[in-house]
Amino acid sequence: CISSAASDVYKRQALNNKQYRLAIRFHYLFVLKQLTDAEQIDYEFDKTNTDYLNEITNKNLKNGFTNITRIYDFIWYGNFSITQKDYVKAKSQFNEIETLL
C-alpha cells in the first residue's frame, strides 16, 4: 500500500504531468491503505479487488468501494485516457469514500 504523504506526492506529480489515469491509480491505492488502517480489509499483494470488496462489512463503505472499484477498473484496466474533467468527476467519488474512513 501507499502512505498518505507518498500518495499526495505521487498524485501531485501525475496531475502536474496531466497523467490523470495514473492519479486515479494513486487514489485507489491510498483508499486500500486507509481501508487496511481502519481494519476493514487485510491487504495482501495477490488479492483481487473483489476479494477486498468481500471483506468489507460496513454497508456504506462497501457501496463506496464498489463505486470507486468500478471507476478504477474501467480507467486502469480498460487502459482509457481520461481528461481533467473526467478526473475531477472520478475524484469526487474517491473523496466520498475517504470521508467515511
Protein backbone atom coordinates (compact mmCIF):
# COMPACT_ATOMS: atom_id res chain seq x y z
CA CYS A 1 0.00 0.00 0.00
CA ILE A 2 0.95 3.64 -0.11
CA SER A 3 1.37 6.20 2.68
CA SER A 4 -0.61 9.43 2.79
CA ALA A 5 2.47 11.59 2.18
CA ALA A 6 3.68 9.44 -0.70
CA SER A 7 0.19 9.34 -2.19
CA ASP A 8 -0.03 13.13 -2.16
CA VAL A 9 3.38 13.47 -3.83
CA TYR A 10 2.61 10.87 -6.49
CA LYS A 11 -0.84 12.30 -7.21
CA ARG A 12 0.57 15.82 -7.49
CA GLN A 13 3.32 14.65 -9.88
CA ALA A 14 0.81 12.76 -12.01
CA LEU A 15 -1.54 15.74 -12.13
CA ASN A 16 1.28 18.16 -12.96
CA ASN A 17 2.10 15.90 -15.92
CA LYS A 18 -1.58 15.60 -16.88
CA GLN A 19 -1.42 11.85 -16.18
CA TYR A 20 -4.96 11.65 -14.83
CA ARG A 21 -5.19 7.90 -15.24
CA LEU A 22 -2.13 7.43 -13.02
CA ALA A 23 -3.51 9.89 -10.46
CA ILE A 24 -6.65 7.72 -10.20
CA ARG A 25 -4.44 4.70 -9.54
CA PHE A 26 -2.78 6.52 -6.64
CA HIS A 27 -6.18 7.49 -5.25
CA TYR A 28 -7.23 3.85 -5.36
CA LEU A 29 -4.05 2.60 -3.69
CA PHE A 30 -4.48 5.19 -0.96
CA VAL A 31 -8.04 4.03 -0.29
CA LEU A 32 -6.72 0.48 0.06
CA LYS A 33 -4.24 1.81 2.62
CA GLN A 34 -6.99 3.62 4.50
CA LEU A 35 -9.20 0.52 4.49
CA THR A 36 -6.29 -1.52 5.83
CA ASP A 37 -5.55 1.03 8.57
CA ALA A 38 -9.25 1.05 9.52
CA GLU A 39 -9.11 -2.77 9.71
CA GLN A 40 -11.81 -3.08 7.08
CA ILE A 41 -9.60 -5.21 4.80
CA ASP A 42 -6.49 -7.33 5.17
CA TYR A 43 -4.20 -6.05 2.40
CA GLU A 44 -2.23 -8.68 0.52
CA PHE A 45 -0.41 -8.14 -2.76
CA ASP A 46 -2.09 -11.05 -4.51
CA LYS A 47 -5.69 -10.30 -3.56
CA THR A 48 -8.15 -9.03 -6.13
CA ASN A 49 -10.39 -6.00 -5.81
CA THR A 50 -13.31 -8.43 -5.44
CA ASP A 51 -11.52 -10.10 -2.53
CA TYR A 52 -11.32 -6.73 -0.78
CA LEU A 53 -14.93 -5.95 -1.56
CA ASN A 54 -15.99 -9.22 0.05
CA GLU A 55 -14.08 -8.36 3.23
CA ILE A 56 -15.85 -5.04 3.83
CA THR A 57 -18.81 -5.44 6.17
CA ASN A 58 -19.86 -1.79 6.57
CA LYS A 59 -22.64 -1.16 4.03
CA ASN A 60 -21.69 2.47 3.26
CA LEU A 61 -18.01 1.58 2.84
CA LYS A 62 -18.90 -1.39 0.67
CA ASN A 63 -21.10 0.76 -1.58
CA GLY A 64 -18.41 3.44 -1.85
CA PHE A 65 -15.70 0.88 -2.54
CA THR A 66 -17.88 -0.75 -5.19
CA ASN A 67 -18.24 2.62 -6.93
CA ILE A 68 -14.55 3.52 -6.91
CA THR A 69 -13.55 0.00 -7.91
CA ARG A 70 -15.82 0.20 -10.95
CA ILE A 71 -14.27 3.57 -11.87
CA TYR A 72 -10.73 2.35 -11.22
CA ASP A 73 -11.18 -0.90 -13.16
CA PHE A 74 -12.67 0.95 -16.13
CA ILE A 75 -9.91 3.55 -16.21
CA TRP A 76 -6.88 1.46 -15.25
CA TYR A 77 -7.57 -1.95 -16.72
CA GLY A 78 -9.57 -0.58 -19.63
CA ASN A 79 -6.47 1.46 -20.46
CA PHE A 80 -8.56 4.52 -21.25
CA SER A 81 -7.18 8.02 -21.43
CA ILE A 82 -9.12 10.43 -19.29
CA THR A 83 -9.41 14.19 -19.37
CA GLN A 84 -9.09 16.60 -16.48
CA LYS A 85 -12.89 16.82 -16.40
CA ASP A 86 -13.14 13.02 -16.14
CA TYR A 87 -10.55 13.05 -13.37
CA VAL A 88 -12.43 15.67 -11.34
CA LYS A 89 -15.64 13.65 -11.64
CA ALA A 90 -13.92 10.42 -10.57
CA LYS A 91 -12.05 12.16 -7.75
CA SER A 92 -15.34 13.19 -6.17
CA GLN A 93 -16.22 9.50 -5.73
CA PHE A 94 -12.87 8.86 -4.06
CA ASN A 95 -13.40 11.85 -1.77
CA GLU A 96 -16.74 10.42 -0.68
CA ILE A 97 -15.29 7.11 0.49
CA GLU A 98 -12.31 8.82 2.09
CA THR A 99 -14.69 10.85 4.29
CA LEU A 100 -16.17 7.57 5.56
CA LEU A 101 -12.75 6.42 6.67
